[in-house]
Amino acid sequence: MTQQTTSAAVWSASQVAHAGQFDADARRLLVRGLTVVGLVGIALIHLVELPDTWRESTGLGVMFLVLVIAAIAVAAALVHWEVTPLWQLSALVALGPIVGYIVTRGADLPFDHDDVGNWLEPSVLVATFIEVTVLALCAYALFATKEPARRR
């Protein structure tokens, strides 16, 4: 091999390695951005439902308010930092309302009597779709990437 061929091969290998790193960084940034948007979506849907929910059941209204605040706080933190605990909190914020949905639809609770069996309410289905999507993004960030989150 000539010097020129060797240099071209080394340059080409370095470009491929750099492109692979760029793809991984872009993928992580996309997953993070989509998760932030999903968390804001969870907050927005529950904020829109908050007045009616509060009137019908103060206990459930308080839970909605806590969810809205948590979703916005975790989304804001995820904009600035990419660390494993924030991915875990994002997953918990998404999982909480899914569990609440299943429990309130399946059992008559002291603070929510009206939702038992009401599985197909449109706004709840939209919220559940977003929550499941956020869970999937968090699972991808935590388990499917070589570096789930940077340690700072």
N, C-alpha and C. Protein backbone atom coordinates (compact mmCIF):
# COMPACT_ATOMS: atom_id res chain seq x y z
N MET A 1 0.84 -1.18 0.00
CA MET A 1 0.00 0.00 0.00
C MET A 1 0.88 1.24 0.00
N THR A 2 0.43 2.22 -0.72
CA THR A 2 1.18 3.46 -0.75
C THR A 2 0.77 4.33 0.42
N GLN A 3 1.54 5.35 0.63
CA GLN A 3 1.26 6.29 1.72
C GLN A 3 -0.11 6.94 1.52
N GLN A 4 -0.41 7.27 0.27
CA GLN A 4 -1.68 7.93 -0.03
C GLN A 4 -2.87 6.99 0.24
N THR A 5 -2.74 5.72 -0.15
CA THR A 5 -3.80 4.75 0.08
C THR A 5 -4.00 4.51 1.57
N THR A 6 -2.91 4.42 2.32
CA THR A 6 -2.99 4.22 3.76
C THR A 6 -3.67 5.40 4.43
N SER A 7 -3.32 6.60 4.03
CA SER A 7 -3.94 7.80 4.60
C SER A 7 -5.43 7.84 4.30
N ALA A 8 -5.80 7.47 3.08
CA ALA A 8 -7.21 7.47 2.69
C ALA A 8 -7.98 6.44 3.50
N ALA A 9 -7.39 5.28 3.74
CA ALA A 9 -8.06 4.23 4.51
C ALA A 9 -8.26 4.67 5.96
N VAL A 10 -7.23 5.29 6.55
CA VAL A 10 -7.32 5.77 7.93
C VAL A 10 -8.37 6.88 8.01
N TRP A 11 -8.36 7.81 7.05
CA TRP A 11 -9.33 8.90 7.05
C TRP A 11 -10.74 8.35 6.91
N SER A 12 -10.92 7.37 6.03
CA SER A 12 -12.23 6.78 5.81
C SER A 12 -12.74 6.08 7.07
N ALA A 13 -11.88 5.34 7.75
CA ALA A 13 -12.27 4.65 8.98
C ALA A 13 -12.63 5.66 10.07
N SER A 14 -11.89 6.75 10.13
CA SER A 14 -12.19 7.76 11.14
C SER A 14 -13.51 8.46 10.83
N GLN A 15 -13.81 8.67 9.56
CA GLN A 15 -15.09 9.27 9.17
C GLN A 15 -16.25 8.36 9.54
N VAL A 16 -16.09 7.05 9.31
CA VAL A 16 -17.14 6.09 9.66
C VAL A 16 -17.36 6.08 11.17
N ALA A 17 -16.30 6.08 11.95
CA ALA A 17 -16.42 6.09 13.41
C ALA A 17 -17.09 7.37 13.87
N HIS A 18 -16.69 8.50 13.26
CA HIS A 18 -17.30 9.78 13.64
C HIS A 18 -18.78 9.80 13.26
N ALA A 19 -19.12 9.29 12.10
CA ALA A 19 -20.52 9.24 11.66
C ALA A 19 -21.34 8.37 12.60
N GLY A 20 -20.78 7.25 13.05
CA GLY A 20 -21.48 6.38 14.00
C GLY A 20 -21.75 7.09 15.31
N GLN A 21 -20.79 7.86 15.80
CA GLN A 21 -20.97 8.62 17.04
C GLN A 21 -22.01 9.70 16.84
N PHE A 22 -21.97 10.36 15.68
CA PHE A 22 -22.96 11.39 15.38
C PHE A 22 -24.36 10.79 15.36
N ASP A 23 -24.51 9.62 14.72
CA ASP A 23 -25.82 8.95 14.68
C ASP A 23 -26.31 8.62 16.08
N ALA A 24 -25.42 8.11 16.93
CA ALA A 24 -25.81 7.76 18.29
C ALA A 24 -26.22 9.01 19.07
N ASP A 25 -25.46 10.09 18.92
CA ASP A 25 -25.81 11.34 19.61
C ASP A 25 -27.13 11.90 19.10
N ALA A 26 -27.33 11.86 17.78
CA ALA A 26 -28.58 12.35 17.20
C ALA A 26 -29.76 11.51 17.66
N ARG A 27 -29.56 10.21 17.73
CA ARG A 27 -30.64 9.32 18.17
C ARG A 27 -31.00 9.60 19.63
N ARG A 28 -29.98 9.77 20.48
CA ARG A 28 -30.24 10.07 21.90
C ARG A 28 -30.94 11.41 22.06
N LEU A 29 -30.52 12.39 21.26
CA LEU A 29 -31.14 13.71 21.33
C LEU A 29 -32.60 13.65 20.86
N LEU A 30 -32.87 12.89 19.81
CA LEU A 30 -34.24 12.73 19.33
C LEU A 30 -35.12 12.06 20.38
N VAL A 31 -34.62 10.99 20.99
CA VAL A 31 -35.39 10.28 22.02
C VAL A 31 -35.65 11.21 23.20
N ARG A 32 -34.66 11.97 23.58
CA ARG A 32 -34.81 12.90 24.69
C ARG A 32 -35.84 13.99 24.35
N GLY A 33 -35.77 14.54 23.16
CA GLY A 33 -36.71 15.57 22.74
C GLY A 33 -38.14 15.04 22.68
N LEU A 34 -38.31 13.86 22.12
CA LEU A 34 -39.64 13.26 22.06
C LEU A 34 -40.19 12.97 23.45
N THR A 35 -39.33 12.58 24.36
CA THR A 35 -39.76 12.32 25.74
C THR A 35 -40.21 13.61 26.41
N VAL A 36 -39.47 14.68 26.20
CA VAL A 36 -39.86 15.98 26.76
C VAL A 36 -41.22 16.40 26.20
N VAL A 37 -41.41 16.27 24.89
CA VAL A 37 -42.70 16.61 24.28
C VAL A 37 -43.81 15.73 24.84
N GLY A 38 -43.54 14.44 25.02
CA GLY A 38 -44.53 13.53 25.60
C GLY A 38 -44.90 13.91 27.02
N LEU A 39 -43.91 14.26 27.82
CA LEU A 39 -44.19 14.68 29.21
C LEU A 39 -45.04 15.95 29.24
N VAL A 40 -44.74 16.89 28.35
CA VAL A 40 -45.54 18.11 28.27
C VAL A 40 -46.96 17.77 27.82
N GLY A 41 -47.08 16.81 26.90
CA GLY A 41 -48.40 16.36 26.47
C GLY A 41 -49.21 15.74 27.60
N ILE A 42 -48.55 14.93 28.42
CA ILE A 42 -49.22 14.34 29.59
C ILE A 42 -49.71 15.46 30.51
N ALA A 43 -48.84 16.44 30.76
CA ALA A 43 -49.23 17.56 31.62
C ALA A 43 -50.39 18.33 31.02
N LEU A 44 -50.34 18.60 29.73
CA LEU A 44 -51.39 19.39 29.09
C LEU A 44 -52.75 18.69 29.11
N ILE A 45 -52.77 17.42 28.79
CA ILE A 45 -54.04 16.68 28.80
C ILE A 45 -54.66 16.68 30.20
N HIS A 46 -53.83 16.45 31.21
CA HIS A 46 -54.37 16.39 32.57
C HIS A 46 -54.72 17.79 33.10
N LEU A 47 -54.02 18.81 32.61
CA LEU A 47 -54.36 20.18 32.99
C LEU A 47 -55.71 20.58 32.40
N VAL A 48 -55.97 20.18 31.17
CA VAL A 48 -57.27 20.47 30.53
C VAL A 48 -58.40 19.77 31.28
N GLU A 49 -58.15 18.55 31.74
CA GLU A 49 -59.17 17.78 32.45
C GLU A 49 -59.29 18.16 33.93
N LEU A 50 -58.34 18.94 34.43
CA LEU A 50 -58.28 19.24 35.87
C LEU A 50 -59.53 19.93 36.42
N PRO A 51 -60.07 20.97 35.81
CA PRO A 51 -61.23 21.63 36.43
C PRO A 51 -62.43 20.70 36.62
N ASP A 52 -62.78 19.94 35.58
CA ASP A 52 -63.92 19.01 35.71
C ASP A 52 -63.62 17.92 36.72
N THR A 53 -62.40 17.40 36.68
CA THR A 53 -62.02 16.33 37.61
C THR A 53 -62.05 16.84 39.04
N TRP A 54 -61.57 18.05 39.26
CA TRP A 54 -61.55 18.64 40.61
C TRP A 54 -62.98 18.80 41.14
N ARG A 55 -63.90 19.25 40.26
CA ARG A 55 -65.30 19.42 40.67
C ARG A 55 -65.94 18.08 41.04
N GLU A 56 -65.65 17.05 40.26
CA GLU A 56 -66.26 15.74 40.50
C GLU A 56 -65.62 15.01 41.67
N SER A 57 -64.30 15.15 41.81
CA SER A 57 -63.58 14.45 42.86
C SER A 57 -62.31 15.21 43.23
N THR A 58 -62.34 15.84 44.39
CA THR A 58 -61.18 16.62 44.81
C THR A 58 -59.94 15.75 44.95
N GLY A 59 -60.11 14.54 45.45
CA GLY A 59 -58.96 13.63 45.60
C GLY A 59 -58.30 13.32 44.28
N LEU A 60 -59.08 13.02 43.28
CA LEU A 60 -58.54 12.75 41.95
C LEU A 60 -57.98 14.03 41.33
N GLY A 61 -58.62 15.16 41.62
CA GLY A 61 -58.12 16.44 41.14
C GLY A 61 -56.74 16.75 41.69
N VAL A 62 -56.53 16.45 42.96
CA VAL A 62 -55.20 16.65 43.57
C VAL A 62 -54.16 15.78 42.87
N MET A 63 -54.54 14.54 42.58
CA MET A 63 -53.61 13.64 41.87
C MET A 63 -53.28 14.18 40.48
N PHE A 64 -54.27 14.73 39.79
CA PHE A 64 -54.02 15.32 38.47
C PHE A 64 -53.06 16.50 38.60
N LEU A 65 -53.28 17.34 39.61
CA LEU A 65 -52.41 18.50 39.81
C LEU A 65 -50.97 18.08 40.09
N VAL A 66 -50.81 17.09 40.95
CA VAL A 66 -49.47 16.57 41.24
C VAL A 66 -48.82 16.02 39.97
N LEU A 67 -49.59 15.31 39.16
CA LEU A 67 -49.07 14.77 37.90
C LEU A 67 -48.64 15.88 36.95
N VAL A 68 -49.44 16.93 36.84
CA VAL A 68 -49.10 18.05 35.95
C VAL A 68 -47.79 18.69 36.40
N ILE A 69 -47.66 18.95 37.68
CA ILE A 69 -46.44 19.58 38.21
C ILE A 69 -45.24 18.66 38.01
N ALA A 70 -45.40 17.38 38.30
CA ALA A 70 -44.29 16.43 38.15
C ALA A 70 -43.87 16.31 36.68
N ALA A 71 -44.83 16.22 35.78
CA ALA A 71 -44.50 16.07 34.36
C ALA A 71 -43.74 17.28 33.84
N ILE A 72 -44.18 18.47 34.22
CA ILE A 72 -43.49 19.69 33.77
C ILE A 72 -42.10 19.79 34.39
N ALA A 73 -41.99 19.48 35.67
CA ALA A 73 -40.68 19.56 36.33
C ALA A 73 -39.69 18.57 35.73
N VAL A 74 -40.12 17.35 35.49
CA VAL A 74 -39.22 16.34 34.92
C VAL A 74 -38.87 16.69 33.48
N ALA A 75 -39.84 17.19 32.71
CA ALA A 75 -39.57 17.59 31.33
C ALA A 75 -38.54 18.72 31.30
N ALA A 76 -38.71 19.71 32.18
CA ALA A 76 -37.76 20.83 32.23
C ALA A 76 -36.36 20.35 32.62
N ALA A 77 -36.29 19.44 33.56
CA ALA A 77 -34.99 18.91 33.97
C ALA A 77 -34.35 18.10 32.84
N LEU A 78 -35.16 17.34 32.11
CA LEU A 78 -34.64 16.51 31.01
C LEU A 78 -34.13 17.36 29.86
N VAL A 79 -34.65 18.57 29.73
CA VAL A 79 -34.13 19.49 28.71
C VAL A 79 -32.67 19.83 29.02
N HIS A 80 -32.36 19.96 30.30
CA HIS A 80 -31.02 20.41 30.70
C HIS A 80 -30.04 19.29 31.00
N TRP A 81 -30.53 18.16 31.49
CA TRP A 81 -29.63 17.09 31.90
C TRP A 81 -30.13 15.76 31.36
N GLU A 82 -29.17 14.93 31.00
CA GLU A 82 -29.51 13.58 30.57
C GLU A 82 -28.81 12.61 31.51
N VAL A 83 -29.50 12.28 32.57
CA VAL A 83 -28.95 11.37 33.57
C VAL A 83 -29.98 10.27 33.85
N THR A 84 -29.48 9.13 34.25
CA THR A 84 -30.34 7.97 34.47
C THR A 84 -31.52 8.25 35.41
N PRO A 85 -31.32 8.94 36.55
CA PRO A 85 -32.47 9.18 37.43
C PRO A 85 -33.61 9.96 36.75
N LEU A 86 -33.29 10.86 35.83
CA LEU A 86 -34.34 11.60 35.13
C LEU A 86 -35.11 10.70 34.17
N TRP A 87 -34.41 9.75 33.54
CA TRP A 87 -35.12 8.79 32.69
C TRP A 87 -36.04 7.91 33.53
N GLN A 88 -35.57 7.54 34.71
CA GLN A 88 -36.40 6.72 35.60
C GLN A 88 -37.62 7.51 36.09
N LEU A 89 -37.42 8.78 36.44
CA LEU A 89 -38.54 9.63 36.86
C LEU A 89 -39.53 9.84 35.71
N SER A 90 -39.02 10.02 34.51
CA SER A 90 -39.89 10.17 33.33
C SER A 90 -40.77 8.93 33.17
N ALA A 91 -40.17 7.77 33.34
CA ALA A 91 -40.94 6.52 33.24
C ALA A 91 -42.00 6.44 34.33
N LEU A 92 -41.66 6.85 35.54
CA LEU A 92 -42.64 6.83 36.64
C LEU A 92 -43.78 7.82 36.40
N VAL A 93 -43.45 9.00 35.86
CA VAL A 93 -44.49 9.99 35.56
C VAL A 93 -45.45 9.44 34.52
N ALA A 94 -44.94 8.69 33.55
CA ALA A 94 -45.80 8.10 32.52
C ALA A 94 -46.56 6.88 33.05
N LEU A 95 -45.94 6.11 33.92
CA LEU A 95 -46.55 4.90 34.43
C LEU A 95 -47.67 5.19 35.44
N GLY A 96 -47.51 6.24 36.24
CA GLY A 96 -48.49 6.59 37.27
C GLY A 96 -49.91 6.72 36.73
N PRO A 97 -50.13 7.55 35.72
CA PRO A 97 -51.50 7.68 35.22
C PRO A 97 -52.03 6.42 34.53
N ILE A 98 -51.15 5.60 33.98
CA ILE A 98 -51.60 4.34 33.39
C ILE A 98 -52.16 3.43 34.48
N VAL A 99 -51.43 3.34 35.58
CA VAL A 99 -51.90 2.54 36.72
C VAL A 99 -53.19 3.13 37.27
N GLY A 100 -53.23 4.46 37.39
CA GLY A 100 -54.45 5.12 37.87
C GLY A 100 -55.64 4.85 36.97
N TYR A 101 -55.41 4.86 35.67
CA TYR A 101 -56.47 4.58 34.69
C TYR A 101 -57.03 3.17 34.90
N ILE A 102 -56.14 2.20 35.03
CA ILE A 102 -56.57 0.81 35.22
C ILE A 102 -57.33 0.65 36.54
N VAL A 103 -56.81 1.25 37.60
CA VAL A 103 -57.44 1.11 38.91
C VAL A 103 -58.81 1.80 38.94
N THR A 104 -58.90 3.03 38.43
CA THR A 104 -60.19 3.75 38.49
C THR A 104 -61.23 3.15 37.57
N ARG A 105 -60.81 2.47 36.52
CA ARG A 105 -61.78 1.83 35.63
C ARG A 105 -62.20 0.45 36.13
N GLY A 106 -61.35 -0.15 36.92
CA GLY A 106 -61.61 -1.51 37.37
C GLY A 106 -62.21 -1.64 38.75
N ALA A 107 -62.14 -0.58 39.57
CA ALA A 107 -62.63 -0.68 40.94
C ALA A 107 -63.35 0.60 41.35
N ASP A 108 -64.35 0.44 42.19
CA ASP A 108 -65.06 1.59 42.74
C ASP A 108 -64.24 2.11 43.92
N LEU A 109 -63.72 3.32 43.76
CA LEU A 109 -62.86 3.90 44.79
C LEU A 109 -63.61 4.98 45.56
N PRO A 110 -63.22 5.22 46.81
CA PRO A 110 -63.91 6.24 47.61
C PRO A 110 -63.88 7.62 46.96
N PHE A 111 -62.82 7.93 46.20
CA PHE A 111 -62.70 9.25 45.59
C PHE A 111 -63.08 9.28 44.12
N ASP A 112 -63.51 8.13 43.56
CA ASP A 112 -63.89 8.10 42.15
C ASP A 112 -64.87 6.97 41.90
N HIS A 113 -66.16 7.32 41.82
CA HIS A 113 -67.21 6.32 41.59
C HIS A 113 -67.67 6.28 40.14
N ASP A 114 -67.43 7.33 39.39
CA ASP A 114 -68.04 7.49 38.07
C ASP A 114 -67.30 6.81 36.93
N ASP A 115 -66.06 6.42 37.12
CA ASP A 115 -65.27 5.93 35.99
C ASP A 115 -65.22 4.42 35.83
N VAL A 116 -65.80 3.67 36.73
CA VAL A 116 -65.75 2.21 36.64
C VAL A 116 -66.37 1.76 35.33
N GLY A 117 -65.61 1.02 34.57
CA GLY A 117 -66.07 0.49 33.29
C GLY A 117 -66.00 1.46 32.12
N ASN A 118 -65.59 2.69 32.35
CA ASN A 118 -65.52 3.71 31.30
C ASN A 118 -64.14 3.66 30.62
N TRP A 119 -63.90 2.61 29.85
CA TRP A 119 -62.58 2.34 29.27
C TRP A 119 -62.30 3.14 27.99
N LEU A 120 -63.32 3.68 27.33
CA LEU A 120 -63.11 4.25 26.00
C LEU A 120 -63.30 5.76 25.93
N GLU A 121 -63.10 6.47 27.00
CA GLU A 121 -63.18 7.93 26.98
C GLU A 121 -62.05 8.47 26.09
N PRO A 122 -62.37 9.26 25.07
CA PRO A 122 -61.37 9.68 24.08
C PRO A 122 -60.13 10.37 24.66
N SER A 123 -60.33 11.33 25.58
CA SER A 123 -59.16 12.03 26.11
C SER A 123 -58.26 11.09 26.91
N VAL A 124 -58.86 10.11 27.56
CA VAL A 124 -58.07 9.14 28.33
C VAL A 124 -57.29 8.23 27.38
N LEU A 125 -57.88 7.88 26.27
CA LEU A 125 -57.18 7.04 25.29
C LEU A 125 -55.99 7.80 24.69
N VAL A 126 -56.17 9.08 24.41
CA VAL A 126 -55.06 9.90 23.90
C VAL A 126 -53.96 9.99 24.95
N ALA A 127 -54.33 10.27 26.19
CA ALA A 127 -53.35 10.36 27.27
C ALA A 127 -52.60 9.04 27.44
N THR A 128 -53.33 7.94 27.39
CA THR A 128 -52.70 6.63 27.56
C THR A 128 -51.73 6.34 26.42
N PHE A 129 -52.09 6.72 25.21
CA PHE A 129 -51.18 6.55 24.07
C PHE A 129 -49.88 7.32 24.31
N ILE A 130 -50.00 8.56 24.75
CA ILE A 130 -48.80 9.37 25.02
C ILE A 130 -47.99 8.76 26.16
N GLU A 131 -48.66 8.31 27.20
CA GLU A 131 -47.95 7.73 28.35
C GLU A 131 -47.20 6.46 27.96
N VAL A 132 -47.83 5.62 27.17
CA VAL A 132 -47.16 4.39 26.71
C VAL A 132 -45.98 4.73 25.81
N THR A 133 -46.14 5.75 24.98
CA THR A 133 -45.04 6.18 24.12
C THR A 133 -43.87 6.69 24.95
N VAL A 134 -44.15 7.49 25.96
CA VAL A 134 -43.08 7.98 26.84
C VAL A 134 -42.39 6.82 27.55
N LEU A 135 -43.17 5.85 28.00
CA LEU A 135 -42.57 4.66 28.62
C LEU A 135 -41.64 3.94 27.66
N ALA A 136 -42.07 3.78 26.41
CA ALA A 136 -41.23 3.11 25.41
C ALA A 136 -39.95 3.91 25.15
N LEU A 137 -40.05 5.22 25.07
CA LEU A 137 -38.86 6.05 24.86
C LEU A 137 -37.90 5.94 26.05
N CYS A 138 -38.45 5.92 27.25
CA CYS A 138 -37.61 5.78 28.45
C CYS A 138 -36.93 4.41 28.47
N ALA A 139 -37.66 3.38 28.10
CA ALA A 139 -37.07 2.03 28.05
C ALA A 139 -35.95 2.00 27.02
N TYR A 140 -36.16 2.63 25.88
CA TYR A 140 -35.12 2.68 24.86
C TYR A 140 -33.88 3.41 25.40
N ALA A 141 -34.11 4.56 26.04
CA ALA A 141 -32.99 5.35 26.56
C ALA A 141 -32.24 4.60 27.66
N LEU A 142 -32.96 3.86 28.48
CA LEU A 142 -32.32 3.18 29.60
C LEU A 142 -31.68 1.85 29.23
N PHE A 143 -32.28 1.13 28.26
CA PHE A 143 -31.83 -0.24 28.02
C PHE A 143 -31.31 -0.52 26.62
N ALA A 144 -31.74 0.21 25.62
CA ALA A 144 -31.39 -0.15 24.25
C ALA A 144 -30.16 0.58 23.72
N THR A 145 -29.73 1.61 24.37
CA THR A 145 -28.55 2.34 23.90
C THR A 145 -27.33 1.87 24.68
N LYS A 146 -26.17 2.03 24.06
CA LYS A 146 -24.94 1.62 24.75
C LYS A 146 -24.69 2.48 25.97
N GLU A 147 -24.99 3.78 25.84
CA GLU A 147 -24.85 4.69 26.96
C GLU A 147 -26.21 5.25 27.29
N PRO A 148 -26.95 4.64 28.26
CA PRO A 148 -28.32 5.08 28.53
C PRO A 148 -28.43 6.53 28.92
N ALA A 149 -27.47 6.99 29.69
CA ALA A 149 -27.50 8.39 30.09
C ALA A 149 -26.11 8.77 30.54
N ARG A 150 -25.77 10.00 30.28
CA ARG A 150 -24.45 10.46 30.71
C ARG A 150 -24.46 10.68 32.20
N ARG A 151 -23.38 10.36 32.82
CA ARG A 151 -23.22 10.63 34.26
C ARG A 151 -22.56 12.00 34.38
N ARG A 152 -23.12 12.84 35.21
CA ARG A 152 -22.52 14.18 35.40
C ARG A 152 -22.18 14.37 36.85
